[in-house]
Protein backbone atom coordinates (compact mmCIF):
# COMPACT_ATOMS: atom_id res chain seq x y z
CA MET A 1 -64.03 -17.34 53.43
CA ARG A 2 -60.24 -17.25 52.76
CA ASN A 3 -59.43 -16.58 48.50
CA MET A 4 -57.05 -19.02 47.26
CA SER A 5 -54.59 -17.87 44.43
CA PHE A 6 -54.93 -19.97 41.09
CA ALA A 7 -52.17 -17.29 38.96
CA LEU A 8 -50.27 -20.15 37.95
CA THR A 9 -53.92 -22.15 37.14
CA THR A 10 -56.26 -19.23 36.34
CA GLU A 11 -57.84 -20.96 32.79
CA GLN A 12 -58.69 -24.14 34.57
CA VAL A 13 -60.59 -23.08 37.35
CA ARG A 14 -62.54 -20.13 35.00
CA ASN A 15 -63.35 -23.95 32.60
CA ARG A 16 -63.67 -25.68 35.59
CA THR A 17 -61.40 -28.73 34.89
CA LYS A 18 -59.39 -28.93 37.61
CA THR A 19 -60.53 -30.06 40.71
CA VAL A 20 -57.51 -30.58 42.69
CA THR A 21 -54.33 -28.61 44.17
CA ARG A 22 -51.57 -28.86 46.36
CA ARG A 23 -50.12 -26.44 47.79
CA ILE A 24 -47.18 -26.03 50.74
CA GLY A 25 -48.94 -24.83 53.73
CA TRP A 26 -53.06 -25.44 53.59
CA ALA A 27 -52.42 -28.01 57.05
CA THR A 28 -55.23 -27.80 58.11
CA LEU A 29 -57.97 -27.03 55.97
CA GLN A 30 -61.14 -29.50 56.37
CA PRO A 31 -63.03 -30.97 53.99
CA GLY A 32 -66.23 -28.99 53.80
CA THR A 33 -64.56 -25.57 53.88
CA LEU A 34 -65.68 -22.75 51.16
CA ILE A 35 -63.00 -21.03 49.33
CA GLN A 36 -62.89 -18.59 47.17
CA PRO A 37 -61.11 -18.78 43.64
CA VAL A 38 -58.59 -15.68 42.69
CA VAL A 39 -56.22 -14.97 40.32
CA LYS A 40 -53.85 -13.24 42.85
CA GLY A 41 -54.04 -13.15 46.32
CA MET A 42 -50.64 -11.91 47.77
CA GLY A 43 -48.94 -8.69 46.23
CA LEU A 44 -51.40 -7.08 45.70
CA ARG A 45 -51.25 -2.88 45.88
CA LYS A 46 -52.52 -1.01 47.86
CA GLY A 47 -55.80 0.03 47.02
CA GLU A 48 -55.66 -3.80 44.29
CA LYS A 49 -58.65 -6.26 45.25
CA ALA A 50 -58.34 -9.91 44.28
CA GLU A 51 -59.64 -10.94 40.94
CA LYS A 52 -62.19 -13.26 41.48
CA ILE A 53 -62.84 -16.41 39.43
CA GLY A 54 -66.04 -17.90 39.42
CA GLY A 55 -68.10 -18.30 42.73
CA PRO A 56 -66.90 -20.30 45.94
CA ILE A 57 -65.28 -24.04 45.79
CA ARG A 58 -65.67 -26.81 48.51
CA VAL A 59 -62.84 -28.41 49.87
CA VAL A 60 -63.86 -31.97 49.44
CA ASP A 61 -60.83 -34.02 50.50
CA VAL A 62 -57.65 -32.92 51.80
CA TRP A 63 -54.75 -34.93 52.48
CA ARG A 64 -50.69 -34.46 53.69
CA GLY A 65 -48.07 -36.43 52.46
CA PRO A 66 -44.75 -35.89 50.29
CA LEU A 67 -44.98 -34.75 46.73
CA GLU A 68 -43.20 -37.67 44.87
CA ARG A 69 -46.42 -39.64 45.56
CA MET A 70 -47.50 -38.46 42.54
CA LEU A 71 -44.78 -40.27 40.59
CA GLY A 72 -46.53 -43.49 40.80
CA ARG A 73 -44.01 -44.26 44.06
CA PHE A 74 -46.52 -45.24 46.43
CA ASP A 75 -49.06 -48.48 46.39
CA ASP A 76 -52.48 -46.90 47.61
CA PHE A 77 -52.48 -44.36 45.64
CA ALA A 78 -53.19 -43.58 41.91
CA ALA A 79 -50.43 -41.29 40.23
CA SER A 80 -51.76 -41.85 36.74
CA ASP A 81 -54.91 -39.29 36.96
CA GLU A 82 -53.25 -37.08 39.15
CA SER A 83 -51.79 -34.07 36.62
CA ARG A 84 -55.26 -34.45 34.82
CA LEU A 85 -57.63 -33.44 38.19
CA GLU A 86 -54.17 -30.74 38.32
CA GLY A 87 -55.02 -29.49 35.19
CA PHE A 88 -51.90 -30.67 33.03
CA PRO A 89 -54.28 -33.04 30.84
CA HIS A 90 -50.69 -33.35 29.30
CA LEU A 91 -47.30 -33.62 32.05
CA THR A 92 -46.32 -36.16 32.85
CA SER A 93 -46.35 -36.69 36.34
CA GLU A 94 -42.70 -36.41 36.83
CA GLU A 95 -42.38 -32.90 34.28
CA PHE A 96 -45.73 -31.63 36.37
CA VAL A 97 -43.16 -32.82 39.80
CA GLU A 98 -41.06 -30.58 37.95
CA MET A 99 -42.96 -27.18 37.44
CA PHE A 100 -44.73 -27.49 40.47
CA CYS A 101 -40.51 -27.89 42.70
CA LYS A 102 -39.65 -25.30 40.31
CA HIS A 103 -42.02 -22.86 40.55
CA ASN A 104 -42.78 -23.38 44.63
CA GLY A 105 -38.42 -23.35 45.35
CA CYS A 106 -39.87 -27.10 46.60
CA ALA A 107 -38.03 -30.68 46.37
CA SER A 108 -40.22 -33.59 45.24
CA GLY A 109 -40.21 -34.93 49.43
CA ASP A 110 -41.49 -32.35 50.64
CA GLU A 111 -44.53 -32.87 51.84
CA VAL A 112 -47.49 -30.93 50.29
CA THR A 113 -51.62 -30.72 51.06
CA ARG A 114 -53.35 -31.88 48.80
CA ILE A 115 -56.61 -30.28 48.70
CA GLU A 116 -59.52 -31.27 46.39
CA PHE A 117 -62.58 -29.89 45.10
CA GLU A 118 -65.63 -28.90 43.60
CA TYR A 119 -67.25 -25.86 42.19
CA LEU A 120 -69.84 -24.54 43.29
């Protein structure tokens, strides 16, 4: 089972208020895959182990597309709930995209993987 880091949203995963995550990679991920959420997955010192956040999660849905899809520029996508599903109900879609780009070094037009998951 692969680990997935939730360093920026550790509390949202612990509280189970986050059911969607966006990633720059993870392009080959498939629904049904089990993943172990961890606080930090990279940059661990020799001998350090990743700190698990609860039990595994199951991937429910995966799609790839431009991050700007969250901004409501596509008729087939309900952008209004995405910040809440990501664990940031206080952010607008625009604020979420800005934060995501800042933390991931990307632009709003970049392709991301949207991963919907459930807690087991």
